[in-house]
Each structure stands twice: as structure tokens, then as C-alpha cells.
């Protein structure tokens, strides 16, 4: 495992050097068994390019490929090195300034130390908000979030209630609002050694009000209709131009109910159909897709 990890991170380092690129976001999909080895291999391979921002360490079960499933890196080349974002002295993200805009990413944002998950969830949103405010932004500047919710099925309704309250109080949803809900994914992966929950996000700070939020699109109605405050997709400026973010999409009907239960193949087909419908409405096709991530409940 140690040699394999060293090869992975040395390979990433080599690509970054070749492209003169700096990391914006990084996620590692692994399990608790490999966590210490992953951190050591990453640190040893990256050396001076490590700016202190830890990747999101996403904990799942051991896969058929071993203890580490993969590493996902978003980087940008030929620009100034991003500025590190710190919250309470700890590095949690990066700000990139270009001639065309200012972009912010946050990784592995967690809540406070309350025993209640709902209180931790609210603290998580407030911590992310404080980072956005450091650079003149707020949640209306957020184009995409990723919610790592651990045992998601046991408390998803509670989490949604917290997110709805936070967005309502900040004017993202509700009467007179722009329905400025970020595109989002909520998935049952824990974050870090304790398999706690957390959040990643990406935001456009400049130009202001440049994000297009699509609550209902493709074959799917607005998720807010069944109590979940996220847009089905968003279109936002990025260092590479206009980027379309498609939210987490599954085999669901217009009410948000799961379909094709017990038929994994048909669930996969319906999921892809739903994604393609969103892309069509955004004037995109398969050839425009630069990244997909698939989450499967079981190895089978």
C-alpha cells in the first residue's frame, strides 16, 4: 500500500509541475486503515508545493481496489499561487485572483463541538460564512457545495431543516429572494478520522451576481418542493470560463422519490438520463463533461 500511495502522489506532483499548476481543491477517497499512510505519502511527495490546506479526507469502506479508492485534484495553471484561507488559524481553503475574477474554495469545513448534529451543522454553515465574509462574500456567491453527511439516512431530514433555516435567514430562499441555492451533492461519506460530517464549496466573489441558479431543470422539479434547499444545477464563472455544475442526481421521479428499487442497472440508466436532461437544458452534451463522480451504495 505504501508504494502505491507514493506513486499516486508523486504522479500528481509531476503533473502539477509539468502544467505549472497550483491546487484549488483536493479530495481523497479512502478508509481509516489507510489514513495515516495517505497523509504521510502525500506530505512526502508534495514537499514545498503543500500550502498547508488539508484535502477533504472522505471515509468509506474498503473497496475492491483496496484501502484508497482515488484522489481528485482541481488545479489551475499559469496563474498566481492562490492565497490560503484561514479560519481560527487553520488553513481551510484558497482564494484565486485572476484578471477575470476572484474565486474561493473551502474544504473539509466542520461544525462545533456540540453533541447535537443539528447544532454542529449550523456551526458548519456559519464557519463557511465567516470565511466568505473575510473576502467580501456571502452564501449568494456560492455556486456549488458538497455535503459529506456520514450516516445520511438517519438524519437527512434534520440536516435539511438546518440548511433551510440558514438559507432563509440569509435571504437565499423565501419571499422576495432570488432562490440563490447552490448546486449541491449530499452523500453518505464521513469526513476525517471520526467519520464526522462536513462541507466543501466553491464560490465566485468577483464578478458579483454572476451565478445562474436553476432550481428546476431537465426532468427534475425544484428540490425545495420536498424540503431540500439546493438547485438542480448552476452556471458560474470559473478560471476556465463558464462552468456548469450539475447537482447530485439519482434515479428519482419528479417528486424526489427513488425509482427502480431493486434494479441497480435501471437505476444507473435513469440517473444518467436525468443528468443528460440537465445538460441538454444547459446547452451542453456528453463531450462537454470534464468530470463525473459516481457514488454506489454497495460494491455490487
C-alpha atoms as a PDB file:
ATOM      1  CA  UNK A   1       0.000   0.000   0.000  1.00  0.00           C
ATOM      2  CA  UNK A   2       2.825   2.422   0.899  1.00  0.00           C
ATOM      3  CA  UNK A   3       4.483   2.111  -2.529  1.00  0.00           C
ATOM      4  CA  UNK A   4       1.144   2.548  -4.293  1.00  0.00           C
ATOM      5  CA  UNK A   5       0.360   5.714  -2.338  1.00  0.00           C
ATOM      6  CA  UNK A   6       3.781   7.197  -3.028  1.00  0.00           C
ATOM      7  CA  UNK A   7       3.279   6.534  -6.728  1.00  0.00           C
ATOM      8  CA  UNK A   8      -0.122   8.235  -6.729  1.00  0.00           C
ATOM      9  CA  UNK A   9       1.026  11.453  -5.072  1.00  0.00           C
ATOM     10  CA  UNK A  10       4.333  11.574  -6.933  1.00  0.00           C
ATOM     11  CA  UNK A  11       2.312  11.318 -10.133  1.00  0.00           C
ATOM     12  CA  UNK A  12       0.115  14.235  -9.089  1.00  0.00           C
ATOM     13  CA  UNK A  13       3.185  16.289  -8.189  1.00  0.00           C
ATOM     14  CA  UNK A  14       4.709  15.541 -11.612  1.00  0.00           C
ATOM     15  CA  UNK A  15       1.578  16.666 -13.473  1.00  0.00           C
ATOM     16  CA  UNK A  16       1.296  19.859 -11.428  1.00  0.00           C
ATOM     17  CA  UNK A  17       4.940  20.696 -12.149  1.00  0.00           C
ATOM     18  CA  UNK A  18       4.572  19.981 -15.860  1.00  0.00           C
ATOM     19  CA  UNK A  19       1.488  22.210 -16.130  1.00  0.00           C
ATOM     20  CA  UNK A  20       2.855  24.910 -13.784  1.00  0.00           C
ATOM     21  CA  UNK A  21      -0.365  24.418 -11.836  1.00  0.00           C
ATOM     22  CA  UNK A  22      -1.499  25.149  -8.297  1.00  0.00           C
ATOM     23  CA  UNK A  23      -4.095  23.143  -6.385  1.00  0.00           C
ATOM     24  CA  UNK A  24      -7.505  24.724  -5.780  1.00  0.00           C
ATOM     25  CA  UNK A  25      -9.332  21.712  -4.337  1.00  0.00           C
ATOM     26  CA  UNK A  26      -8.337  18.185  -3.350  1.00  0.00           C
ATOM     27  CA  UNK A  27     -10.302  15.167  -2.145  1.00  0.00           C
ATOM     28  CA  UNK A  28      -9.026  11.763  -1.115  1.00  0.00           C
ATOM     29  CA  UNK A  29     -11.380   8.783  -1.008  1.00  0.00           C
ATOM     30  CA  UNK A  30     -10.035   6.232   1.463  1.00  0.00           C
ATOM     31  CA  UNK A  31     -10.735   4.466   4.764  1.00  0.00           C
ATOM     32  CA  UNK A  32      -9.455   4.687   8.333  1.00  0.00           C
ATOM     33  CA  UNK A  33      -6.917   1.892   7.834  1.00  0.00           C
ATOM     34  CA  UNK A  34      -5.002   3.888   5.222  1.00  0.00           C
ATOM     35  CA  UNK A  35      -5.432   7.363   6.671  1.00  0.00           C
ATOM     36  CA  UNK A  36      -2.022   7.757   8.333  1.00  0.00           C
ATOM     37  CA  UNK A  37      -0.223   6.274   5.328  1.00  0.00           C
ATOM     38  CA  UNK A  38      -2.138   8.552   2.952  1.00  0.00           C
ATOM     39  CA  UNK A  39      -1.145  11.681   4.883  1.00  0.00           C
ATOM     40  CA  UNK A  40       2.497  10.627   5.081  1.00  0.00           C
ATOM     41  CA  UNK A  41       2.721   9.752   1.375  1.00  0.00           C
ATOM     42  CA  UNK A  42       1.054  12.989   0.335  1.00  0.00           C
ATOM     43  CA  UNK A  43       3.324  15.119   2.526  1.00  0.00           C
ATOM     44  CA  UNK A  44       6.443  13.325   1.322  1.00  0.00           C
ATOM     45  CA  UNK A  45       5.568  13.683  -2.354  1.00  0.00           C
ATOM     46  CA  UNK A  46       4.273  17.250  -2.344  1.00  0.00           C
ATOM     47  CA  UNK A  47       7.081  18.880  -0.381  1.00  0.00           C
ATOM     48  CA  UNK A  48       7.169  22.645  -0.868  1.00  0.00           C
ATOM     49  CA  UNK A  49       4.026  22.755  -3.009  1.00  0.00           C
ATOM     50  CA  UNK A  50       1.970  21.828   0.073  1.00  0.00           C
ATOM     51  CA  UNK A  51       0.446  25.124   1.200  1.00  0.00           C
ATOM     52  CA  UNK A  52      -0.992  23.701   4.403  1.00  0.00           C
ATOM     53  CA  UNK A  53      -4.574  23.301   3.181  1.00  0.00           C
ATOM     54  CA  UNK A  54      -5.591  19.755   4.001  1.00  0.00           C
ATOM     55  CA  UNK A  55      -7.585  17.785   1.439  1.00  0.00           C
ATOM     56  CA  UNK A  56     -11.059  16.531   2.281  1.00  0.00           C
ATOM     57  CA  UNK A  57     -10.446  13.022   3.597  1.00  0.00           C
ATOM     58  CA  UNK A  58     -13.581  11.066   2.721  1.00  0.00           C
ATOM     59  CA  UNK A  59     -14.050   7.875   4.639  1.00  0.00           C
ATOM     60  CA  UNK A  60     -15.822   4.845   3.237  1.00  0.00           C
ATOM     61  CA  UNK A  61     -15.492   1.082   3.393  1.00  0.00           C
ATOM     62  CA  UNK A  62     -12.567  -0.719   1.816  1.00  0.00           C
ATOM     63  CA  UNK A  63     -13.301  -1.142  -1.886  1.00  0.00           C
ATOM     64  CA  UNK A  64     -12.377  -3.920  -4.271  1.00  0.00           C
ATOM     65  CA  UNK A  65      -9.413  -1.716  -5.248  1.00  0.00           C
ATOM     66  CA  UNK A  66      -8.017  -1.607  -1.718  1.00  0.00           C
ATOM     67  CA  UNK A  67      -7.887   0.960   1.052  1.00  0.00           C
ATOM     68  CA  UNK A  68      -7.545   4.021  -1.177  1.00  0.00           C
ATOM     69  CA  UNK A  69     -10.109   4.485  -3.924  1.00  0.00           C
ATOM     70  CA  UNK A  70      -8.631   7.591  -5.509  1.00  0.00           C
ATOM     71  CA  UNK A  71      -7.510  11.185  -5.342  1.00  0.00           C
ATOM     72  CA  UNK A  72      -9.317  14.072  -7.030  1.00  0.00           C
ATOM     73  CA  UNK A  73      -7.412  17.298  -7.664  1.00  0.00           C
ATOM     74  CA  UNK A  74      -8.691  20.534  -9.193  1.00  0.00           C
ATOM     75  CA  UNK A  75      -5.788  22.788 -10.167  1.00  0.00           C
ATOM     76  CA  UNK A  76      -5.254  25.876 -12.276  1.00  0.00           C
ATOM     77  CA  UNK A  77      -2.161  26.599 -14.355  1.00  0.00           C
ATOM     78  CA  UNK A  78      -0.214  29.678 -15.428  1.00  0.00           C
ATOM     79  CA  UNK A  79      -1.619  31.995 -12.731  1.00  0.00           C
ATOM     80  CA  UNK A  80      -0.515  33.370  -9.405  1.00  0.00           C
ATOM     81  CA  UNK A  81      -0.429  30.954  -6.497  1.00  0.00           C
ATOM     82  CA  UNK A  82      -3.749  31.011  -4.607  1.00  0.00           C
ATOM     83  CA  UNK A  83      -3.953  32.725  -1.229  1.00  0.00           C
ATOM     84  CA  UNK A  84      -4.637  30.445   1.735  1.00  0.00           C
ATOM     85  CA  UNK A  85      -7.926  30.954   3.615  1.00  0.00           C
ATOM     86  CA  UNK A  86      -7.665  30.516   7.370  1.00  0.00           C
ATOM     87  CA  UNK A  87     -10.422  30.063   9.921  1.00  0.00           C
ATOM     88  CA  UNK A  88      -9.373  30.304  13.572  1.00  0.00           C
ATOM     89  CA  UNK A  89      -5.756  29.925  12.467  1.00  0.00           C
ATOM     90  CA  UNK A  90      -6.289  26.744  10.429  1.00  0.00           C
ATOM     91  CA  UNK A  91      -5.984  26.551   6.637  1.00  0.00           C
ATOM     92  CA  UNK A  92      -9.331  25.518   5.138  1.00  0.00           C
ATOM     93  CA  UNK A  93      -9.314  26.821   1.585  1.00  0.00           C
ATOM     94  CA  UNK A  94      -7.891  29.046  -1.122  1.00  0.00           C
ATOM     95  CA  UNK A  95      -8.652  32.290  -2.937  1.00  0.00           C
ATOM     96  CA  UNK A  96      -7.548  32.690  -6.546  1.00  0.00           C
ATOM     97  CA  UNK A  97      -7.351  36.147  -8.113  1.00  0.00           C
ATOM     98  CA  UNK A  98      -7.244  36.431 -11.898  1.00  0.00           C
ATOM     99  CA  UNK A  99      -7.812  39.218 -14.395  1.00  0.00           C
ATOM    100  CA  UNK A 100     -11.357  37.921 -14.898  1.00  0.00           C
ATOM    101  CA  UNK A 101     -12.479  37.248 -11.350  1.00  0.00           C
ATOM    102  CA  UNK A 102     -11.895  36.154  -7.782  1.00  0.00           C
ATOM    103  CA  UNK A 103     -12.679  32.570  -6.798  1.00  0.00           C
ATOM    104  CA  UNK A 104     -12.795  30.869  -3.402  1.00  0.00           C
ATOM    105  CA  UNK A 105     -12.777  27.203  -2.414  1.00  0.00           C
ATOM    106  CA  UNK A 106     -13.236  25.691   1.038  1.00  0.00           C
ATOM    107  CA  UNK A 107     -12.518  22.086   2.007  1.00  0.00           C
ATOM    108  CA  UNK A 108     -13.469  19.968   4.976  1.00  0.00           C
ATOM    109  CA  UNK A 109     -15.488  22.582   6.861  1.00  0.00           C
ATOM    110  CA  UNK A 110     -16.917  21.063  10.043  1.00  0.00           C
ATOM    111  CA  UNK A 111     -19.109  22.320  12.881  1.00  0.00           C
ATOM    112  CA  UNK A 112     -18.580  22.929  16.555  1.00  0.00           C
ATOM    113  CA  UNK A 113     -18.294  20.510  19.448  1.00  0.00           C
ATOM    114  CA  UNK A 114     -21.973  20.252  20.336  1.00  0.00           C
ATOM    115  CA  UNK A 115     -23.375  16.788  20.968  1.00  0.00           C
ATOM    116  CA  UNK A 116     -26.259  17.579  18.628  1.00  0.00           C
ATOM    117  CA  UNK A 117     -25.662  17.100  14.927  1.00  0.00           C
ATOM    118  CA  UNK A 118     -28.101  19.885  14.083  1.00  0.00           C
ATOM    119  CA  UNK A 119     -26.115  22.384  16.167  1.00  0.00           C
ATOM    120  CA  UNK A 120     -22.899  21.204  14.513  1.00  0.00           C
ATOM    121  CA  UNK A 121     -24.496  21.602  11.080  1.00  0.00           C
ATOM    122  CA  UNK A 122     -25.497  25.195  11.816  1.00  0.00           C
ATOM    123  CA  UNK A 123     -21.990  25.917  13.119  1.00  0.00           C
ATOM    124  CA  UNK A 124     -20.571  24.428   9.905  1.00  0.00           C
ATOM    125  CA  UNK A 125     -22.584  26.837   7.756  1.00  0.00           C
ATOM    126  CA  UNK A 126     -21.621  29.758   9.985  1.00  0.00           C
ATOM    127  CA  UNK A 127     -17.918  28.850   9.782  1.00  0.00           C
ATOM    128  CA  UNK A 128     -18.079  28.771   5.979  1.00  0.00           C
ATOM    129  CA  UNK A 129     -19.922  32.084   6.015  1.00  0.00           C
ATOM    130  CA  UNK A 130     -17.187  33.666   8.136  1.00  0.00           C
ATOM    131  CA  UNK A 131     -14.582  32.620   5.570  1.00  0.00           C
ATOM    132  CA  UNK A 132     -16.643  34.081   2.727  1.00  0.00           C
ATOM    133  CA  UNK A 133     -17.025  37.355   4.646  1.00  0.00           C
ATOM    134  CA  UNK A 134     -13.243  37.659   5.041  1.00  0.00           C
ATOM    135  CA  UNK A 135     -13.121  38.278   1.303  1.00  0.00           C
ATOM    136  CA  UNK A 136     -16.292  40.347   0.905  1.00  0.00           C
ATOM    137  CA  UNK A 137     -18.580  37.446   0.025  1.00  0.00           C
ATOM    138  CA  UNK A 138     -21.533  35.524   1.410  1.00  0.00           C
ATOM    139  CA  UNK A 139     -23.529  32.420   0.502  1.00  0.00           C
ATOM    140  CA  UNK A 140     -25.118  34.115  -2.523  1.00  0.00           C
ATOM    141  CA  UNK A 141     -21.640  33.844  -4.087  1.00  0.00           C
ATOM    142  CA  UNK A 142     -21.520  30.050  -3.663  1.00  0.00           C
ATOM    143  CA  UNK A 143     -22.052  28.135  -6.882  1.00  0.00           C
ATOM    144  CA  UNK A 144     -21.596  24.569  -5.591  1.00  0.00           C
ATOM    145  CA  UNK A 145     -21.466  22.706  -2.298  1.00  0.00           C
ATOM    146  CA  UNK A 146     -20.591  19.117  -1.420  1.00  0.00           C
ATOM    147  CA  UNK A 147     -22.148  17.808   1.805  1.00  0.00           C
ATOM    148  CA  UNK A 148     -20.371  14.848   3.387  1.00  0.00           C
ATOM    149  CA  UNK A 149     -23.037  13.569   5.763  1.00  0.00           C
ATOM    150  CA  UNK A 150     -21.786  10.249   7.142  1.00  0.00           C
ATOM    151  CA  UNK A 151     -24.850   8.265   8.210  1.00  0.00           C
ATOM    152  CA  UNK A 152     -27.026  10.348   5.902  1.00  0.00           C
ATOM    153  CA  UNK A 153     -30.212   8.285   6.077  1.00  0.00           C
ATOM    154  CA  UNK A 154     -30.507   8.637   9.841  1.00  0.00           C
ATOM    155  CA  UNK A 155     -30.704  12.447   9.829  1.00  0.00           C
ATOM    156  CA  UNK A 156     -31.104  13.865   6.322  1.00  0.00           C
ATOM    157  CA  UNK A 157     -34.453  15.495   7.187  1.00  0.00           C
ATOM    158  CA  UNK A 158     -32.857  17.175  10.216  1.00  0.00           C
ATOM    159  CA  UNK A 159     -29.947  18.389   8.118  1.00  0.00           C
ATOM    160  CA  UNK A 160     -32.326  19.807   5.507  1.00  0.00           C
ATOM    161  CA  UNK A 161     -34.214  21.692   8.218  1.00  0.00           C
ATOM    162  CA  UNK A 162     -30.965  23.332   9.376  1.00  0.00           C
ATOM    163  CA  UNK A 163     -29.884  24.231   5.841  1.00  0.00           C
ATOM    164  CA  UNK A 164     -33.346  25.616   5.040  1.00  0.00           C
ATOM    165  CA  UNK A 165     -33.287  27.764   8.168  1.00  0.00           C
ATOM    166  CA  UNK A 166     -29.811  29.097   7.410  1.00  0.00           C
ATOM    167  CA  UNK A 167     -30.640  29.911   3.783  1.00  0.00           C
ATOM    168  CA  UNK A 168     -33.948  31.505   4.781  1.00  0.00           C
ATOM    169  CA  UNK A 169     -32.294  33.742   7.377  1.00  0.00           C
ATOM    170  CA  UNK A 170     -29.650  34.817   4.826  1.00  0.00           C
ATOM    171  CA  UNK A 171     -32.231  35.598   2.148  1.00  0.00           C
ATOM    172  CA  UNK A 172     -31.215  32.839  -0.264  1.00  0.00           C
ATOM    173  CA  UNK A 173     -34.718  31.380  -0.254  1.00  0.00           C
ATOM    174  CA  UNK A 174     -38.116  32.660   0.743  1.00  0.00           C
ATOM    175  CA  UNK A 175     -40.375  35.507  -0.304  1.00  0.00           C
ATOM    176  CA  UNK A 176     -38.629  38.133  -2.402  1.00  0.00           C
ATOM    177  CA  UNK A 177     -35.408  36.118  -2.750  1.00  0.00           C
ATOM    178  CA  UNK A 178     -33.558  35.160  -5.949  1.00  0.00           C
ATOM    179  CA  UNK A 179     -33.711  31.482  -4.924  1.00  0.00           C
ATOM    180  CA  UNK A 180     -29.920  31.587  -4.752  1.00  0.00           C
ATOM    181  CA  UNK A 181     -29.469  27.959  -3.740  1.00  0.00           C
ATOM    182  CA  UNK A 182     -26.108  26.467  -4.731  1.00  0.00           C
ATOM    183  CA  UNK A 183     -25.963  23.287  -6.747  1.00  0.00           C
ATOM    184  CA  UNK A 184     -25.111  20.529  -4.297  1.00  0.00           C
ATOM    185  CA  UNK A 185     -24.397  16.897  -3.524  1.00  0.00           C
ATOM    186  CA  UNK A 186     -25.257  15.248  -0.217  1.00  0.00           C
ATOM    187  CA  UNK A 187     -23.738  11.793   0.227  1.00  0.00           C
ATOM    188  CA  UNK A 188     -23.178   9.254   2.983  1.00  0.00           C
ATOM    189  CA  UNK A 189     -19.408   9.541   3.339  1.00  0.00           C
ATOM    190  CA  UNK A 190     -17.805  10.610   6.597  1.00  0.00           C
ATOM    191  CA  UNK A 191     -15.091  13.246   6.807  1.00  0.00           C
ATOM    192  CA  UNK A 192     -11.805  12.616   8.606  1.00  0.00           C
ATOM    193  CA  UNK A 193     -10.775  10.182  11.290  1.00  0.00           C
ATOM    194  CA  UNK A 194     -14.004  10.392  13.270  1.00  0.00           C
ATOM    195  CA  UNK A 195     -16.198   9.964  10.194  1.00  0.00           C
ATOM    196  CA  UNK A 196     -17.921  13.217  11.068  1.00  0.00           C
ATOM    197  CA  UNK A 197     -19.806  15.303   8.562  1.00  0.00           C
ATOM    198  CA  UNK A 198     -18.578  18.364   6.732  1.00  0.00           C
ATOM    199  CA  UNK A 199     -18.756  20.506   3.631  1.00  0.00           C
ATOM    200  CA  UNK A 200     -16.726  21.664   0.638  1.00  0.00           C
ATOM    201  CA  UNK A 201     -17.730  24.606  -1.525  1.00  0.00           C
ATOM    202  CA  UNK A 202     -16.682  26.774  -4.424  1.00  0.00           C
ATOM    203  CA  UNK A 203     -17.663  30.426  -4.804  1.00  0.00           C
ATOM    204  CA  UNK A 204     -17.352  33.309  -7.262  1.00  0.00           C
ATOM    205  CA  UNK A 205     -16.582  36.500  -5.320  1.00  0.00           C
ATOM    206  CA  UNK A 206     -15.985  38.678  -8.407  1.00  0.00           C
ATOM    207  CA  UNK A 207     -17.889  39.426 -10.584  1.00  0.00           C
ATOM    208  CA  UNK A 208     -20.822  39.736  -8.210  1.00  0.00           C
ATOM    209  CA  UNK A 209     -24.249  38.301  -9.041  1.00  0.00           C
ATOM    210  CA  UNK A 210     -22.767  36.304 -11.914  1.00  0.00           C
ATOM    211  CA  UNK A 211     -24.108  32.859 -10.969  1.00  0.00           C
ATOM    212  CA  UNK A 212     -27.210  31.426 -12.620  1.00  0.00           C
ATOM    213  CA  UNK A 213     -29.150  29.122 -10.273  1.00  0.00           C
ATOM    214  CA  UNK A 214     -31.519  26.570 -11.839  1.00  0.00           C
ATOM    215  CA  UNK A 215     -33.983  25.237  -9.269  1.00  0.00           C
ATOM    216  CA  UNK A 216     -35.911  23.066 -11.727  1.00  0.00           C
ATOM    217  CA  UNK A 217     -34.328  21.776 -14.902  1.00  0.00           C
ATOM    218  CA  UNK A 218     -34.263  18.703 -17.093  1.00  0.00           C
ATOM    219  CA  UNK A 219     -36.654  16.042 -15.817  1.00  0.00           C
ATOM    220  CA  UNK A 220     -36.480  17.179 -12.198  1.00  0.00           C
ATOM    221  CA  UNK A 221     -38.594  19.640 -10.271  1.00  0.00           C
ATOM    222  CA  UNK A 222     -37.221  22.041  -7.685  1.00  0.00           C
ATOM    223  CA  UNK A 223     -35.779  20.088  -4.743  1.00  0.00           C
ATOM    224  CA  UNK A 224     -37.155  22.745  -2.390  1.00  0.00           C
ATOM    225  CA  UNK A 225     -40.616  21.381  -3.143  1.00  0.00           C
ATOM    226  CA  UNK A 226     -39.776  18.386  -0.963  1.00  0.00           C
ATOM    227  CA  UNK A 227     -37.742  20.286   1.605  1.00  0.00           C
ATOM    228  CA  UNK A 228     -34.171  20.192   0.286  1.00  0.00           C
ATOM    229  CA  UNK A 229     -32.638  23.600  -0.475  1.00  0.00           C
ATOM    230  CA  UNK A 230     -30.371  23.147  -3.473  1.00  0.00           C
ATOM    231  CA  UNK A 231     -30.558  23.977  -7.163  1.00  0.00           C
ATOM    232  CA  UNK A 232     -30.512  21.183  -9.727  1.00  0.00           C
ATOM    233  CA  UNK A 233     -27.671  22.975 -11.485  1.00  0.00           C
ATOM    234  CA  UNK A 234     -25.781  26.236 -11.567  1.00  0.00           C
ATOM    235  CA  UNK A 235     -23.768  28.055 -14.214  1.00  0.00           C
ATOM    236  CA  UNK A 236     -20.871  30.135 -12.943  1.00  0.00           C
ATOM    237  CA  UNK A 237     -17.680  31.861 -13.983  1.00  0.00           C
ATOM    238  CA  UNK A 238     -14.542  29.863 -13.288  1.00  0.00           C
ATOM    239  CA  UNK A 239     -10.839  30.259 -14.124  1.00  0.00           C
ATOM    240  CA  UNK A 240     -11.542  28.105 -17.218  1.00  0.00           C
ATOM    241  CA  UNK A 241     -14.587  30.113 -18.380  1.00  0.00           C
ATOM    242  CA  UNK A 242     -18.254  29.310 -17.818  1.00  0.00           C
ATOM    243  CA  UNK A 243     -18.721  26.125 -15.817  1.00  0.00           C
ATOM    244  CA  UNK A 244     -21.929  24.142 -15.357  1.00  0.00           C
ATOM    245  CA  UNK A 245     -22.282  22.338 -12.030  1.00  0.00           C
ATOM    246  CA  UNK A 246     -24.856  19.530 -12.044  1.00  0.00           C
ATOM    247  CA  UNK A 247     -26.094  18.615  -8.584  1.00  0.00           C
ATOM    248  CA  UNK A 248     -26.079  15.116  -7.174  1.00  0.00           C
ATOM    249  CA  UNK A 249     -28.567  13.242  -9.321  1.00  0.00           C
ATOM    250  CA  UNK A 250     -30.114   9.827  -8.766  1.00  0.00           C
ATOM    251  CA  UNK A 251     -32.855   7.548 -10.029  1.00  0.00           C
ATOM    252  CA  UNK A 252     -35.716   9.733  -8.805  1.00  0.00           C
ATOM    253  CA  UNK A 253     -39.049  10.930 -10.125  1.00  0.00           C
ATOM    254  CA  UNK A 254     -40.399  14.488 -10.198  1.00  0.00           C
ATOM    255  CA  UNK A 255     -41.403  14.276  -6.519  1.00  0.00           C
ATOM    256  CA  UNK A 256     -37.914  13.247  -5.441  1.00  0.00           C
ATOM    257  CA  UNK A 257     -38.911   9.639  -4.720  1.00  0.00           C
ATOM    258  CA  UNK A 258     -36.454   6.851  -5.544  1.00  0.00           C
ATOM    259  CA  UNK A 259     -37.427   4.752  -8.548  1.00  0.00           C
ATOM    260  CA  UNK A 260     -36.367   1.341  -9.862  1.00  0.00           C
ATOM    261  CA  UNK A 261     -35.811  -0.022  -6.367  1.00  0.00           C
ATOM    262  CA  UNK A 262     -34.033  -3.366  -6.518  1.00  0.00           C
ATOM    263  CA  UNK A 263     -32.881  -2.853 -10.114  1.00  0.00           C
ATOM    264  CA  UNK A 264     -29.374  -1.381  -9.985  1.00  0.00           C
ATOM    265  CA  UNK A 265     -28.880  -1.360 -13.758  1.00  0.00           C
ATOM    266  CA  UNK A 266     -32.072   0.585 -14.358  1.00  0.00           C
ATOM    267  CA  UNK A 267     -31.216   2.987 -11.524  1.00  0.00           C
ATOM    268  CA  UNK A 268     -27.897   3.736 -13.221  1.00  0.00           C
ATOM    269  CA  UNK A 269     -29.592   4.244 -16.589  1.00  0.00           C
ATOM    270  CA  UNK A 270     -32.202   6.587 -15.095  1.00  0.00           C
ATOM    271  CA  UNK A 271     -29.529   8.571 -13.252  1.00  0.00           C
ATOM    272  CA  UNK A 272     -27.594   9.118 -16.469  1.00  0.00           C
ATOM    273  CA  UNK A 273     -30.816  10.060 -18.285  1.00  0.00           C
ATOM    274  CA  UNK A 274     -31.544  12.664 -15.593  1.00  0.00           C
ATOM    275  CA  UNK A 275     -28.024  14.118 -15.839  1.00  0.00           C
ATOM    276  CA  UNK A 276     -28.191  14.300 -19.631  1.00  0.00           C
ATOM    277  CA  UNK A 277     -31.549  16.083 -19.442  1.00  0.00           C
ATOM    278  CA  UNK A 278     -29.979  18.780 -17.261  1.00  0.00           C
ATOM    279  CA  UNK A 279     -27.043  19.103 -19.656  1.00  0.00           C
ATOM    280  CA  UNK A 280     -29.367  19.488 -22.643  1.00  0.00           C
ATOM    281  CA  UNK A 281     -31.240  22.306 -20.939  1.00  0.00           C
ATOM    282  CA  UNK A 282     -27.879  23.996 -20.286  1.00  0.00           C
ATOM    283  CA  UNK A 283     -26.908  23.635 -23.968  1.00  0.00           C
ATOM    284  CA  UNK A 284     -24.274  21.051 -23.072  1.00  0.00           C
ATOM    285  CA  UNK A 285     -23.643  17.487 -24.147  1.00  0.00           C
ATOM    286  CA  UNK A 286     -21.556  14.481 -23.218  1.00  0.00           C
ATOM    287  CA  UNK A 287     -18.477  15.963 -24.904  1.00  0.00           C
ATOM    288  CA  UNK A 288     -18.621  19.000 -22.589  1.00  0.00           C
ATOM    289  CA  UNK A 289     -18.335  16.918 -19.420  1.00  0.00           C
ATOM    290  CA  UNK A 290     -14.928  17.268 -17.755  1.00  0.00           C
ATOM    291  CA  UNK A 291     -15.639  15.321 -14.573  1.00  0.00           C
ATOM    292  CA  UNK A 292     -18.147  12.921 -13.081  1.00  0.00           C
ATOM    293  CA  UNK A 293     -18.147  11.126  -9.749  1.00  0.00           C
ATOM    294  CA  UNK A 294     -20.397   8.133  -9.111  1.00  0.00           C
ATOM    295  CA  UNK A 295     -21.330   7.015  -5.596  1.00  0.00           C
ATOM    296  CA  UNK A 296     -22.599   3.438  -5.198  1.00  0.00           C
ATOM    297  CA  UNK A 297     -24.169   2.091  -2.023  1.00  0.00           C
ATOM    298  CA  UNK A 298     -22.687  -1.388  -2.467  1.00  0.00           C
ATOM    299  CA  UNK A 299     -19.705  -2.841  -4.277  1.00  0.00           C
ATOM    300  CA  UNK A 300     -22.008  -4.993  -6.383  1.00  0.00           C
END
